[in-house]
Amino acid sequence: MGFMQEEHGSILVEVVDLDRATLLDAEEFKKILFQDIQTGWKKIIVDLTECEFIDSTFLGAIVISLKKITELGGKLRLVGIQPKVQTLFQLTKMNRIFEIFENREDALQSFL
């Protein structure tokens, strides 16, 4: 459990393999995403399929990463938003900020 990376050509998929992503996980994930961006990845997908819950700090880590990659001309997309996570995105209006896809294939195709 934790975080896994999968490379698909010029696209990096960061898989969040946690049932609950909270404050304890947020800082580590932010460091991972920042390192990905600093390494030169311009197309990143965050796969939240396994997450039944994320808290506001974990959402904040994703938001900060979106801002950073956007400033550098890259894109960050989300996939696999579960119902409780979707509720958080709707309450915070982050569903208007992120490009969210139901499955990984659609998210990968969106970069082509």
N, C-alpha and C. Protein backbone atom coordinates (compact mmCIF):
# COMPACT_ATOMS: atom_id res chain seq x y z
N MET A 1 0.83 -1.19 0.00
CA MET A 1 0.00 0.00 0.00
C MET A 1 0.87 1.24 0.00
N GLY A 2 0.33 2.30 -0.54
CA GLY A 2 1.06 3.55 -0.60
C GLY A 2 0.91 4.17 -1.97
N PHE A 3 2.03 4.44 -2.59
CA PHE A 3 2.04 5.11 -3.88
C PHE A 3 2.88 4.31 -4.87
N MET A 4 2.38 4.20 -6.08
CA MET A 4 3.10 3.49 -7.14
C MET A 4 3.11 4.35 -8.39
N GLN A 5 4.17 4.20 -9.18
CA GLN A 5 4.28 4.94 -10.44
C GLN A 5 4.21 3.96 -11.60
N GLU A 6 3.57 4.42 -12.66
CA GLU A 6 3.54 3.68 -13.92
C GLU A 6 3.81 4.67 -15.04
N GLU A 7 4.74 4.31 -15.90
CA GLU A 7 5.06 5.17 -17.04
C GLU A 7 4.36 4.64 -18.28
N HIS A 8 3.74 5.56 -19.00
CA HIS A 8 3.07 5.25 -20.27
C HIS A 8 3.59 6.24 -21.30
N GLY A 9 4.77 5.95 -21.83
CA GLY A 9 5.41 6.88 -22.74
C GLY A 9 5.75 8.17 -22.03
N SER A 10 5.18 9.28 -22.50
CA SER A 10 5.46 10.59 -21.90
C SER A 10 4.48 10.93 -20.77
N ILE A 11 3.67 9.96 -20.38
CA ILE A 11 2.66 10.18 -19.34
C ILE A 11 3.02 9.36 -18.10
N LEU A 12 2.99 10.01 -16.94
CA LEU A 12 3.27 9.34 -15.68
C LEU A 12 1.96 9.19 -14.91
N VAL A 13 1.68 7.97 -14.47
CA VAL A 13 0.51 7.71 -13.64
C VAL A 13 0.99 7.47 -12.21
N GLU A 14 0.50 8.29 -11.30
CA GLU A 14 0.77 8.12 -9.87
C GLU A 14 -0.46 7.46 -9.26
N VAL A 15 -0.31 6.23 -8.83
CA VAL A 15 -1.42 5.47 -8.26
C VAL A 15 -1.40 5.63 -6.73
N VAL A 16 -2.50 6.09 -6.19
CA VAL A 16 -2.65 6.22 -4.75
C VAL A 16 -3.32 4.93 -4.27
N ASP A 17 -2.51 4.03 -3.73
CA ASP A 17 -3.01 2.71 -3.32
C ASP A 17 -3.30 2.72 -1.82
N LEU A 18 -4.26 3.56 -1.44
CA LEU A 18 -4.67 3.71 -0.05
C LEU A 18 -6.19 3.74 0.01
N ASP A 19 -6.78 3.15 1.04
CA ASP A 19 -8.23 3.28 1.23
C ASP A 19 -8.58 4.70 1.66
N ARG A 20 -7.74 5.23 2.55
CA ARG A 20 -7.94 6.58 3.08
C ARG A 20 -6.64 7.36 2.93
N ALA A 21 -6.71 8.49 2.28
CA ALA A 21 -5.54 9.36 2.09
C ALA A 21 -5.75 10.60 2.96
N THR A 22 -4.90 10.72 3.98
CA THR A 22 -5.11 11.77 4.98
C THR A 22 -3.84 12.59 5.19
N LEU A 23 -3.87 13.40 6.22
CA LEU A 23 -2.75 14.26 6.58
C LEU A 23 -1.43 13.49 6.62
N LEU A 24 -1.46 12.29 7.15
CA LEU A 24 -0.25 11.49 7.26
C LEU A 24 0.35 11.15 5.89
N ASP A 25 -0.48 11.08 4.87
CA ASP A 25 -0.03 10.72 3.53
C ASP A 25 0.21 11.93 2.64
N ALA A 26 -0.41 13.05 2.98
CA ALA A 26 -0.41 14.23 2.11
C ALA A 26 0.99 14.77 1.83
N GLU A 27 1.80 14.90 2.88
CA GLU A 27 3.13 15.48 2.70
C GLU A 27 4.01 14.59 1.82
N GLU A 28 3.93 13.28 2.06
CA GLU A 28 4.71 12.35 1.24
C GLU A 28 4.28 12.41 -0.22
N PHE A 29 2.97 12.46 -0.45
CA PHE A 29 2.48 12.48 -1.83
C PHE A 29 2.85 13.78 -2.52
N LYS A 30 2.78 14.89 -1.79
CA LYS A 30 3.18 16.18 -2.36
C LYS A 30 4.65 16.14 -2.78
N LYS A 31 5.50 15.56 -1.93
CA LYS A 31 6.92 15.43 -2.27
C LYS A 31 7.12 14.58 -3.53
N ILE A 32 6.36 13.51 -3.64
CA ILE A 32 6.45 12.64 -4.82
C ILE A 32 6.07 13.41 -6.07
N LEU A 33 4.93 14.12 -6.02
CA LEU A 33 4.48 14.88 -7.19
C LEU A 33 5.46 15.99 -7.54
N PHE A 34 5.98 16.71 -6.54
CA PHE A 34 6.95 17.76 -6.82
C PHE A 34 8.20 17.19 -7.46
N GLN A 35 8.65 16.04 -6.98
CA GLN A 35 9.83 15.40 -7.58
C GLN A 35 9.54 15.00 -9.03
N ASP A 36 8.33 14.47 -9.29
CA ASP A 36 7.96 14.12 -10.66
C ASP A 36 8.04 15.35 -11.56
N ILE A 37 7.49 16.46 -11.08
CA ILE A 37 7.46 17.69 -11.86
C ILE A 37 8.88 18.22 -12.07
N GLN A 38 9.70 18.20 -11.03
CA GLN A 38 11.08 18.68 -11.14
C GLN A 38 11.91 17.79 -12.06
N THR A 39 11.55 16.52 -12.13
CA THR A 39 12.26 15.58 -13.00
C THR A 39 11.92 15.84 -14.47
N GLY A 40 10.82 16.56 -14.72
CA GLY A 40 10.48 16.92 -16.09
C GLY A 40 9.19 16.32 -16.62
N TRP A 41 8.46 15.60 -15.79
CA TRP A 41 7.17 15.08 -16.25
C TRP A 41 6.20 16.23 -16.45
N LYS A 42 5.60 16.30 -17.63
CA LYS A 42 4.64 17.36 -17.97
C LYS A 42 3.21 16.85 -18.06
N LYS A 43 3.06 15.53 -18.07
CA LYS A 43 1.74 14.91 -18.17
C LYS A 43 1.63 13.88 -17.04
N ILE A 44 0.83 14.23 -16.03
CA ILE A 44 0.69 13.36 -14.87
C ILE A 44 -0.79 13.06 -14.63
N ILE A 45 -1.06 11.79 -14.36
CA ILE A 45 -2.40 11.34 -13.97
C ILE A 45 -2.30 10.84 -12.54
N VAL A 46 -3.19 11.33 -11.68
CA VAL A 46 -3.29 10.82 -10.32
C VAL A 46 -4.48 9.87 -10.29
N ASP A 47 -4.20 8.60 -10.04
CA ASP A 47 -5.23 7.56 -10.02
C ASP A 47 -5.69 7.34 -8.58
N LEU A 48 -6.93 7.74 -8.31
CA LEU A 48 -7.51 7.64 -6.97
C LEU A 48 -8.54 6.50 -6.87
N THR A 49 -8.48 5.56 -7.78
CA THR A 49 -9.46 4.48 -7.85
C THR A 49 -9.59 3.73 -6.53
N GLU A 50 -8.49 3.50 -5.83
CA GLU A 50 -8.51 2.73 -4.58
C GLU A 50 -8.91 3.55 -3.37
N CYS A 51 -8.95 4.88 -3.51
CA CYS A 51 -9.24 5.76 -2.37
C CYS A 51 -10.74 5.91 -2.16
N GLU A 52 -11.19 5.48 -0.99
CA GLU A 52 -12.59 5.70 -0.64
C GLU A 52 -12.78 7.04 0.04
N PHE A 53 -11.66 7.60 0.55
CA PHE A 53 -11.73 8.87 1.29
C PHE A 53 -10.41 9.61 1.15
N ILE A 54 -10.49 10.92 0.93
CA ILE A 54 -9.32 11.78 1.06
C ILE A 54 -9.74 12.96 1.92
N ASP A 55 -8.80 13.47 2.71
CA ASP A 55 -9.14 14.63 3.52
C ASP A 55 -8.67 15.91 2.83
N SER A 56 -8.95 17.04 3.45
CA SER A 56 -8.65 18.32 2.81
C SER A 56 -7.15 18.55 2.64
N THR A 57 -6.32 17.99 3.53
CA THR A 57 -4.88 18.18 3.37
C THR A 57 -4.36 17.40 2.17
N PHE A 58 -4.91 16.23 1.94
CA PHE A 58 -4.48 15.46 0.78
C PHE A 58 -4.96 16.15 -0.50
N LEU A 59 -6.18 16.65 -0.47
CA LEU A 59 -6.68 17.43 -1.61
C LEU A 59 -5.79 18.64 -1.84
N GLY A 60 -5.38 19.30 -0.77
CA GLY A 60 -4.49 20.45 -0.89
C GLY A 60 -3.18 20.10 -1.56
N ALA A 61 -2.63 18.93 -1.25
CA ALA A 61 -1.38 18.50 -1.89
C ALA A 61 -1.56 18.35 -3.40
N ILE A 62 -2.71 17.85 -3.80
CA ILE A 62 -2.98 17.70 -5.24
C ILE A 62 -3.18 19.06 -5.89
N VAL A 63 -3.88 19.96 -5.20
CA VAL A 63 -4.12 21.31 -5.73
C VAL A 63 -2.80 22.06 -5.92
N ILE A 64 -1.92 22.00 -4.92
CA ILE A 64 -0.62 22.67 -5.02
C ILE A 64 0.19 22.10 -6.18
N SER A 65 0.12 20.81 -6.36
CA SER A 65 0.84 20.16 -7.46
C SER A 65 0.27 20.58 -8.81
N LEU A 66 -1.06 20.71 -8.88
CA LEU A 66 -1.68 21.18 -10.12
C LEU A 66 -1.18 22.57 -10.47
N LYS A 67 -1.13 23.44 -9.47
CA LYS A 67 -0.66 24.81 -9.70
C LYS A 67 0.78 24.81 -10.20
N LYS A 68 1.62 24.00 -9.56
CA LYS A 68 3.04 23.97 -9.92
C LYS A 68 3.24 23.45 -11.35
N ILE A 69 2.57 22.36 -11.70
CA ILE A 69 2.77 21.78 -13.03
C ILE A 69 2.17 22.70 -14.10
N THR A 70 1.06 23.36 -13.79
CA THR A 70 0.45 24.28 -14.75
C THR A 70 1.37 25.46 -15.04
N GLU A 71 2.03 25.98 -14.01
CA GLU A 71 2.98 27.08 -14.18
C GLU A 71 4.12 26.71 -15.13
N LEU A 72 4.44 25.43 -15.18
CA LEU A 72 5.53 24.95 -16.03
C LEU A 72 5.04 24.42 -17.38
N GLY A 73 3.77 24.64 -17.68
CA GLY A 73 3.22 24.24 -18.96
C GLY A 73 2.78 22.79 -19.04
N GLY A 74 2.63 22.15 -17.91
CA GLY A 74 2.20 20.76 -17.90
C GLY A 74 0.74 20.60 -17.52
N LYS A 75 0.31 19.34 -17.44
CA LYS A 75 -1.08 19.02 -17.12
C LYS A 75 -1.12 17.93 -16.06
N LEU A 76 -2.08 18.04 -15.14
CA LEU A 76 -2.32 17.02 -14.15
C LEU A 76 -3.80 16.68 -14.21
N ARG A 77 -4.08 15.39 -14.35
CA ARG A 77 -5.47 14.95 -14.47
C ARG A 77 -5.74 13.89 -13.41
N LEU A 78 -7.01 13.72 -13.08
CA LEU A 78 -7.41 12.76 -12.06
C LEU A 78 -8.28 11.67 -12.67
N VAL A 79 -8.21 10.50 -12.06
CA VAL A 79 -9.02 9.38 -12.52
C VAL A 79 -9.48 8.57 -11.31
N GLY A 80 -10.67 7.97 -11.43
CA GLY A 80 -11.16 7.04 -10.44
C GLY A 80 -11.68 7.66 -9.16
N ILE A 81 -12.42 8.75 -9.28
CA ILE A 81 -12.95 9.43 -8.10
C ILE A 81 -14.14 8.64 -7.55
N GLN A 82 -14.01 8.19 -6.30
CA GLN A 82 -15.07 7.44 -5.62
C GLN A 82 -16.12 8.41 -5.07
N PRO A 83 -17.33 7.91 -4.75
CA PRO A 83 -18.42 8.81 -4.32
C PRO A 83 -18.08 9.77 -3.18
N LYS A 84 -17.45 9.30 -2.09
CA LYS A 84 -17.13 10.21 -0.98
C LYS A 84 -16.09 11.25 -1.38
N VAL A 85 -15.16 10.84 -2.22
CA VAL A 85 -14.15 11.77 -2.72
C VAL A 85 -14.81 12.79 -3.65
N GLN A 86 -15.73 12.32 -4.47
CA GLN A 86 -16.46 13.21 -5.38
C GLN A 86 -17.20 14.27 -4.58
N THR A 87 -17.78 13.90 -3.46
CA THR A 87 -18.50 14.86 -2.62
C THR A 87 -17.56 15.97 -2.14
N LEU A 88 -16.35 15.60 -1.71
CA LEU A 88 -15.37 16.61 -1.29
C LEU A 88 -15.03 17.54 -2.45
N PHE A 89 -14.83 16.98 -3.64
CA PHE A 89 -14.51 17.80 -4.81
C PHE A 89 -15.66 18.74 -5.13
N GLN A 90 -16.89 18.29 -4.99
CA GLN A 90 -18.04 19.15 -5.27
C GLN A 90 -18.19 20.24 -4.22
N LEU A 91 -18.02 19.89 -2.94
CA LEU A 91 -18.15 20.88 -1.87
C LEU A 91 -17.11 21.98 -1.98
N THR A 92 -15.90 21.62 -2.41
CA THR A 92 -14.81 22.59 -2.53
C THR A 92 -14.74 23.21 -3.93
N LYS A 93 -15.64 22.76 -4.81
CA LYS A 93 -15.70 23.20 -6.21
C LYS A 93 -14.43 22.84 -7.00
N MET A 94 -13.66 21.90 -6.49
CA MET A 94 -12.45 21.45 -7.19
C MET A 94 -12.79 20.63 -8.42
N ASN A 95 -14.03 20.13 -8.50
CA ASN A 95 -14.45 19.40 -9.70
C ASN A 95 -14.50 20.34 -10.91
N ARG A 96 -14.49 21.64 -10.67
CA ARG A 96 -14.45 22.62 -11.76
C ARG A 96 -13.02 22.95 -12.18
N ILE A 97 -12.07 22.65 -11.31
CA ILE A 97 -10.67 22.98 -11.54
C ILE A 97 -9.92 21.85 -12.24
N PHE A 98 -10.20 20.63 -11.80
CA PHE A 98 -9.50 19.46 -12.33
C PHE A 98 -10.22 18.83 -13.50
N GLU A 99 -9.44 18.25 -14.40
CA GLU A 99 -10.01 17.38 -15.42
C GLU A 99 -10.06 15.99 -14.80
N ILE A 100 -11.29 15.45 -14.66
CA ILE A 100 -11.50 14.19 -13.98
C ILE A 100 -12.08 13.18 -14.97
N PHE A 101 -11.49 11.98 -14.97
CA PHE A 101 -11.92 10.92 -15.87
C PHE A 101 -12.36 9.70 -15.07
N GLU A 102 -13.30 8.94 -15.64
CA GLU A 102 -13.82 7.76 -14.96
C GLU A 102 -12.82 6.61 -14.94
N ASN A 103 -12.04 6.48 -16.02
CA ASN A 103 -11.10 5.37 -16.08
C ASN A 103 -9.77 5.83 -16.65
N ARG A 104 -8.77 5.03 -16.41
CA ARG A 104 -7.41 5.40 -16.80
C ARG A 104 -7.25 5.50 -18.31
N GLU A 105 -7.91 4.63 -19.05
CA GLU A 105 -7.79 4.67 -20.51
C GLU A 105 -8.23 6.02 -21.07
N ASP A 106 -9.37 6.52 -20.57
CA ASP A 106 -9.86 7.83 -21.04
C ASP A 106 -8.88 8.94 -20.65
N ALA A 107 -8.32 8.85 -19.46
CA ALA A 107 -7.37 9.87 -19.02
C ALA A 107 -6.11 9.83 -19.89
N LEU A 108 -5.61 8.65 -20.18
CA LEU A 108 -4.43 8.52 -21.05
C LEU A 108 -4.72 9.06 -22.45
N GLN A 109 -5.89 8.72 -22.98
CA GLN A 109 -6.26 9.18 -24.33
C GLN A 109 -6.40 10.70 -24.39
N SER A 110 -6.77 11.32 -23.28
CA SER A 110 -6.97 12.77 -23.28
C SER A 110 -5.67 13.53 -23.53
N PHE A 111 -4.53 12.88 -23.31
CA PHE A 111 -3.25 13.53 -23.55
C PHE A 111 -2.79 13.39 -25.00
N LEU A 112 -3.44 12.52 -25.76
CA LEU A 112 -2.99 12.27 -27.14
C LEU A 112 -3.60 13.23 -28.12
